[in-house]
Protein backbone atom coordinates (compact mmCIF):
# COMPACT_ATOMS: atom_id res chain seq x y z
CA MET A 1 -51.61 22.44 82.95
CA ALA A 2 -48.79 23.29 80.54
CA LYS A 3 -49.48 22.79 76.84
CA PRO A 4 -47.72 19.73 75.34
CA LEU A 5 -44.82 20.69 73.08
CA ARG A 6 -44.34 18.16 70.33
CA CYS A 7 -43.89 20.23 67.16
CA VAL A 8 -40.66 22.21 67.43
CA ALA A 9 -39.37 24.75 64.91
CA VAL A 10 -35.63 25.37 65.07
CA LEU A 11 -33.62 28.52 64.36
CA THR A 12 -29.85 28.77 64.71
CA HIS A 13 -26.97 31.20 65.16
CA LEU A 14 -25.66 33.08 62.11
CA LEU A 15 -22.45 31.04 62.51
CA ALA A 16 -23.91 27.70 61.45
CA ASP A 17 -20.86 25.59 62.35
CA SER A 18 -21.25 26.44 66.03
CA THR A 19 -24.68 24.78 66.18
CA ALA A 20 -24.19 21.77 63.89
CA ALA A 21 -23.56 19.40 66.81
CA ALA A 22 -26.62 20.74 68.65
CA LEU A 23 -28.84 19.96 65.64
CA ARG A 24 -27.57 16.37 65.61
CA GLU A 25 -28.23 16.03 69.33
CA LEU A 26 -31.70 17.55 68.97
CA ALA A 27 -32.49 14.97 66.28
CA GLU A 28 -31.71 12.28 68.87
CA VAL A 29 -34.01 13.95 71.41
CA GLY A 30 -36.68 14.21 68.73
CA ALA A 31 -36.51 10.52 67.96
CA GLU A 32 -36.62 9.61 71.66
CA TYR A 33 -39.59 11.83 72.53
CA GLY A 34 -41.55 11.66 69.30
CA LEU A 35 -41.01 15.28 68.27
CA GLN A 36 -41.70 16.73 64.86
CA LEU A 37 -38.75 18.98 64.05
CA LEU A 38 -39.27 21.84 61.60
CA LEU A 39 -36.52 23.80 59.88
CA PRO A 40 -37.21 26.88 57.72
CA THR A 41 -35.72 26.73 54.25
CA GLU A 42 -33.08 29.37 54.99
CA GLU A 43 -31.96 27.37 58.03
CA ALA A 44 -31.82 24.10 56.06
CA ALA A 45 -29.49 25.82 53.59
CA LYS A 46 -27.08 26.45 56.47
CA HIS A 47 -27.20 22.81 57.60
CA PRO A 48 -26.76 20.36 54.66
CA LEU A 49 -27.39 17.27 56.82
CA ALA A 50 -30.77 18.49 58.13
CA ASP A 51 -32.85 16.30 55.80
CA GLU A 52 -30.80 13.24 56.68
CA LEU A 53 -31.30 13.98 60.37
CA GLY A 54 -35.09 14.00 59.95
CA TYR A 55 -35.87 17.71 59.97
CA ARG A 56 -38.89 18.76 57.92
CA ARG A 57 -38.35 21.80 55.72
CA ILE A 58 -40.95 24.55 55.94
CA GLY A 59 -41.44 28.01 54.46
CA ALA A 60 -40.51 31.02 56.56
CA ARG A 61 -44.21 31.85 57.03
CA ASP A 62 -45.02 28.39 58.38
CA LEU A 63 -43.31 28.88 61.76
CA HIS A 64 -46.76 29.42 63.29
CA MET A 65 -47.48 25.69 62.87
CA ALA A 66 -45.08 24.88 65.72
CA ASP A 67 -45.84 24.48 69.41
CA LEU A 68 -42.42 25.93 70.23
CA CYS A 69 -39.58 27.78 68.50
CA LEU A 70 -36.22 26.57 69.80
CA VAL A 71 -33.32 28.93 69.11
CA PHE A 72 -29.68 27.89 69.26
CA GLY A 73 -28.09 31.33 69.32
CA GLY A 74 -27.35 34.49 71.24
CA ASP A 75 -29.63 37.32 72.30
CA GLY A 76 -29.73 38.67 68.74
CA SER A 77 -30.98 35.37 67.33
CA ILE A 78 -33.55 35.01 70.10
CA LEU A 79 -34.73 38.59 69.59
CA ARG A 80 -35.19 38.01 65.85
CA ALA A 81 -37.21 34.86 66.56
CA LEU A 82 -39.48 36.71 69.00
CA GLY A 83 -40.05 39.38 66.37
CA ARG A 84 -40.83 36.87 63.63
CA LEU A 85 -43.39 35.14 65.83
CA LEU A 86 -45.29 38.20 67.07
CA GLY A 87 -49.00 37.49 66.98
CA SER A 88 -48.55 33.78 66.24
CA GLY A 89 -49.03 32.42 69.76
CA VAL A 90 -45.81 30.38 69.43
CA PRO A 91 -43.37 30.87 72.34
CA THR A 92 -39.60 31.05 71.87
CA LEU A 93 -37.06 29.12 73.97
CA GLY A 94 -33.42 30.16 73.74
CA VAL A 95 -30.28 28.04 74.17
CA ASN A 96 -27.32 30.34 74.73
CA PHE A 97 -24.81 30.08 71.90
CA GLY A 98 -23.88 33.76 72.26
CA ASN A 99 -22.03 35.85 74.80
CA VAL A 100 -24.42 37.22 77.44
CA GLY A 101 -27.50 35.13 76.67
CA PHE A 102 -29.80 37.28 78.78
CA LEU A 103 -32.90 36.05 76.93
CA ALA A 104 -31.75 32.42 76.86
CA SER A 105 -33.28 30.06 79.39
CA LEU A 106 -30.96 27.11 78.73
CA PRO A 107 -27.15 27.07 78.92
CA GLN A 108 -25.11 25.66 76.05
CA GLU A 109 -23.53 22.97 78.21
CA ARG A 110 -26.69 21.35 79.65
CA TRP A 111 -29.39 22.36 77.22
CA ARG A 112 -30.58 18.82 76.54
CA ASP A 113 -31.50 18.18 80.20
CA GLY A 114 -33.30 21.51 80.33
CA LEU A 115 -35.24 20.79 77.15
CA VAL A 116 -36.41 17.44 78.53
CA GLU A 117 -37.76 19.30 81.59
CA VAL A 118 -39.60 21.72 79.31
CA LEU A 119 -41.05 18.88 77.23
CA ALA A 120 -42.35 17.37 80.46
CA GLY A 121 -44.39 20.53 81.02
CA ARG A 122 -42.13 22.23 83.55
CA TYR A 123 -42.02 25.69 82.00
CA GLN A 124 -43.61 29.10 82.10
CA VAL A 125 -44.29 31.65 79.36
CA ALA A 126 -43.54 35.34 79.87
CA GLU A 127 -45.72 37.72 77.86
CA LEU A 128 -43.49 40.62 76.86
CA LEU A 129 -44.80 44.09 76.06
CA THR A 130 -43.74 45.36 72.64
CA VAL A 131 -43.47 48.89 71.23
CA GLU A 132 -44.33 50.22 67.79
CA ALA A 133 -43.32 53.10 65.55
CA ARG A 134 -46.36 54.60 63.82
CA LEU A 135 -45.33 56.01 60.46
CA PRO A 136 -47.59 57.31 57.65
CA ASP A 137 -46.94 54.12 55.67
CA GLY A 138 -47.58 51.67 58.51
CA CYS A 139 -46.77 50.47 62.02
CA PHE A 140 -43.59 48.59 62.85
CA ALA A 141 -43.46 46.58 66.09
CA ALA A 142 -40.29 46.01 68.13
CA VAL A 143 -39.52 43.58 70.93
CA ASN A 144 -36.57 45.64 72.24
CA ASP A 145 -36.84 49.25 71.18
CA VAL A 146 -37.64 51.97 68.70
CA VAL A 147 -34.67 54.31 68.22
CA LEU A 148 -34.23 57.62 66.44
CA SER A 149 -30.58 57.99 65.48
CA ARG A 150 -28.23 60.10 63.38
CA PRO A 151 -27.47 58.44 60.04
CA HIS A 152 -24.10 60.25 59.97
CA ARG A 153 -21.53 61.02 62.63
CA HIS A 154 -21.54 64.79 62.13
CA GLY A 155 -24.14 67.11 63.61
CA VAL A 156 -26.72 66.54 66.31
CA LEU A 157 -30.44 65.91 66.29
CA HIS A 158 -32.91 68.51 67.53
CA LEU A 159 -36.03 66.66 68.63
CA GLU A 160 -39.23 68.16 69.99
CA TYR A 161 -41.42 65.70 71.87
CA ALA A 162 -44.69 65.35 73.73
CA ILE A 163 -46.04 62.56 75.94
CA ALA A 164 -49.77 61.89 76.29
CA GLY A 165 -50.44 65.24 74.64
CA ALA A 166 -48.22 67.25 77.01
CA SER A 167 -45.29 69.03 75.34
CA LEU A 168 -41.93 68.53 77.02
CA GLY A 169 -40.03 70.89 74.74
CA GLY A 170 -36.93 70.07 72.74
CA MET A 171 -33.74 68.08 73.15
CA ARG A 172 -30.47 68.21 71.25
CA CYS A 173 -28.99 64.74 71.29
CA ASP A 174 -27.50 61.89 69.29
CA GLY A 175 -30.73 59.92 69.45
CA MET A 176 -33.88 58.88 71.29
CA ILE A 177 -34.68 55.40 72.64
CA VAL A 178 -38.13 54.09 73.52
CA ALA A 179 -37.53 50.69 75.08
CA THR A 180 -39.73 47.88 76.31
CA PRO A 181 -38.93 46.09 79.57
CA THR A 182 -37.13 43.47 77.44
CA GLY A 183 -35.16 46.21 75.67
CA SER A 184 -34.34 48.01 78.92
CA THR A 185 -31.30 45.75 79.26
CA ALA A 186 -30.01 46.61 75.76
CA TYR A 187 -29.29 50.05 74.25
CA ASN A 188 -31.20 51.78 77.05
CA LEU A 189 -28.94 50.20 79.68
CA SER A 190 -25.78 51.33 77.88
CA CYS A 191 -27.14 54.91 77.96
CA GLY A 192 -27.69 54.87 81.72
CA GLY A 193 -31.34 53.85 81.68
CA PRO A 194 -33.08 51.69 84.29
CA LEU A 195 -33.49 47.92 84.29
CA VAL A 196 -37.15 46.93 84.10
CA VAL A 197 -38.52 43.52 85.01
CA TRP A 198 -39.79 41.60 81.96
CA ASP A 199 -43.48 41.45 82.84
CA ALA A 200 -43.85 45.13 83.79
CA SER A 201 -46.34 47.00 81.61
CA VAL A 202 -44.25 50.15 81.03
CA LEU A 203 -42.05 51.81 78.42
CA VAL A 204 -38.77 53.66 78.97
CA LEU A 205 -37.98 56.96 77.21
CA ASN A 206 -34.27 57.73 77.11
CA PHE A 207 -31.92 59.89 75.04
CA VAL A 208 -28.51 59.11 73.58
CA ALA A 209 -25.95 61.74 74.64
CA PRO A 210 -28.53 64.41 75.54
CA HIS A 211 -27.28 68.00 75.68
CA SER A 212 -28.83 68.45 79.11
CA LEU A 213 -27.64 68.36 82.71
CA GLY A 214 -31.12 67.70 84.03
CA PHE A 215 -32.72 64.98 81.90
CA ARG A 216 -33.28 61.56 83.42
CA PRO A 217 -34.93 58.55 81.70
CA LEU A 218 -38.71 58.47 82.00
CA ILE A 219 -40.90 55.47 82.84
CA LEU A 220 -44.17 55.68 80.91
CA ARG A 221 -47.55 54.05 81.13
CA PRO A 222 -48.19 51.88 78.04
CA GLU A 223 -51.19 53.94 76.90
CA HIS A 224 -49.15 57.16 76.88
CA VAL A 225 -48.13 57.85 73.28
CA ILE A 226 -44.94 59.76 72.46
CA GLU A 227 -45.02 62.20 69.58
CA VAL A 228 -41.58 63.29 68.40
CA CYS A 229 -40.74 65.73 65.62
CA ASN A 230 -37.47 66.49 63.87
CA ALA A 231 -36.99 70.20 64.53
CA GLY A 232 -33.44 70.30 63.15
CA ASP A 233 -32.40 72.50 60.25
CA VAL A 234 -30.47 69.88 58.29
CA SER A 235 -30.08 66.62 60.20
CA GLU A 236 -32.28 63.66 59.33
CA ALA A 237 -33.20 61.03 61.88
CA GLU A 238 -33.36 57.34 61.04
CA VAL A 239 -36.21 55.33 62.58
CA VAL A 240 -34.72 52.05 63.75
CA VAL A 241 -36.93 49.18 64.94
CA ASP A 242 -35.02 46.38 66.69
CA GLY A 243 -31.91 47.32 64.73
CA ARG A 244 -33.69 47.63 61.35
CA VAL A 245 -34.09 51.00 59.64
CA VAL A 246 -37.76 51.39 58.65
CA GLY A 247 -37.94 55.10 57.83
CA VAL A 248 -36.38 58.56 57.99
CA LEU A 249 -37.60 61.74 59.67
CA SER A 250 -36.68 64.78 57.60
CA GLN A 251 -37.00 68.33 58.85
CA GLY A 252 -40.52 68.90 60.17
CA ASP A 253 -41.52 65.23 60.05
CA CYS A 254 -43.17 63.66 63.11
CA LEU A 255 -43.50 60.14 64.49
CA ARG A 256 -45.76 58.52 67.08
CA ILE A 257 -44.38 55.79 69.31
CA GLY A 258 -46.42 53.71 71.75
CA ALA A 259 -47.08 50.26 73.11
CA SER A 260 -48.07 47.67 70.51
CA PRO A 261 -51.07 45.37 71.06
CA LEU A 262 -48.83 42.42 70.17
CA ARG A 263 -47.00 40.40 72.81
CA ALA A 264 -43.77 38.47 72.42
CA LEU A 265 -43.84 35.06 74.11
CA LEU A 266 -40.62 33.97 75.83
CA LEU A 267 -40.61 30.43 77.21
CA LEU A 268 -38.63 29.91 80.41
CA GLN A 269 -37.79 26.94 82.55
CA GLU A 270 -40.01 26.53 85.57
CA GLY A 271 -38.74 28.68 88.43
CA ALA A 272 -36.72 31.01 86.19
CA SER A 273 -36.19 34.49 87.63
CA PHE A 274 -35.50 37.80 85.89
CA TYR A 275 -33.59 38.97 88.95
CA ARG A 276 -31.35 35.90 88.98
CA ASN A 277 -30.67 36.51 85.29
CA VAL A 278 -29.66 40.09 86.06
CA GLU A 279 -27.35 38.97 88.86
CA GLU A 280 -25.67 36.15 86.96
CA LYS A 281 -25.51 37.57 83.42
CA LEU A 282 -25.33 41.34 83.82
CA PHE A 283 -23.80 41.99 87.23
CA GLY A 284 -21.34 39.10 87.02
CA PHE A 285 -22.08 37.72 90.49
CA GLY A 286 -23.26 34.24 89.50
CA ALA A 287 -22.98 31.05 91.47
CA ASP A 288 -19.36 30.54 90.41
CA ALA A 289 -18.41 33.98 91.70
CA ARG A 290 -19.86 33.20 95.11
């Protein structure tokens, strides 16, 4: 039986005006269904009427108190929420206020009806594999991907890499991507990588503009760790975790990348399908097109 969802934390799009009406409507749903609505302090600052509408202000670290994190935003906002809630056990439900909305389960136009269905227990939770960059000063987990990239436009990277202890040699390139199934539809996809269903337990290794006629993206078992070293003479490589720079590889520096023990929890409407999402939001052959 699905867990009751009565304490709902709310995060919104960076453009606060686009979600102001949704917050007012959610307050009405909250009053009707007896919900406790939580709003982190930084969100309340974006929405001056939040207190008047009945939202309870909380600290950023108190999101774990919720039964559900409801995000009014695009894929970027949903991704940030998933990252913030890693290890908390709180699932994230997205309402698409962005462009593609691949991670969003509810459309902007009919989100209220969908939320009522979810509150009635008609939902499922997808446990998403995450990936981590293992640096000397700590591990940094990503929901989408760990990327090595050039900090400047000039020059190329020369990376030497091994997988599960087996050396695969070197690659001159603009960058390396290690993506989760969730991240397979992001940067990896734009670089010709494969689409991977959300609940697959694999990682994707891909390169950005590889200087090779033979390389193809690799699908890896989650226990297979990638060790990559910067073998270039001058170029540094930035270590980017879900779009955030967490370190730099100078000449001779090495990095280990592998699956993280943490799982991101994405809440979906009952009957939701990854493949339908791909068809309607990525391939452009949705119901209207048929």
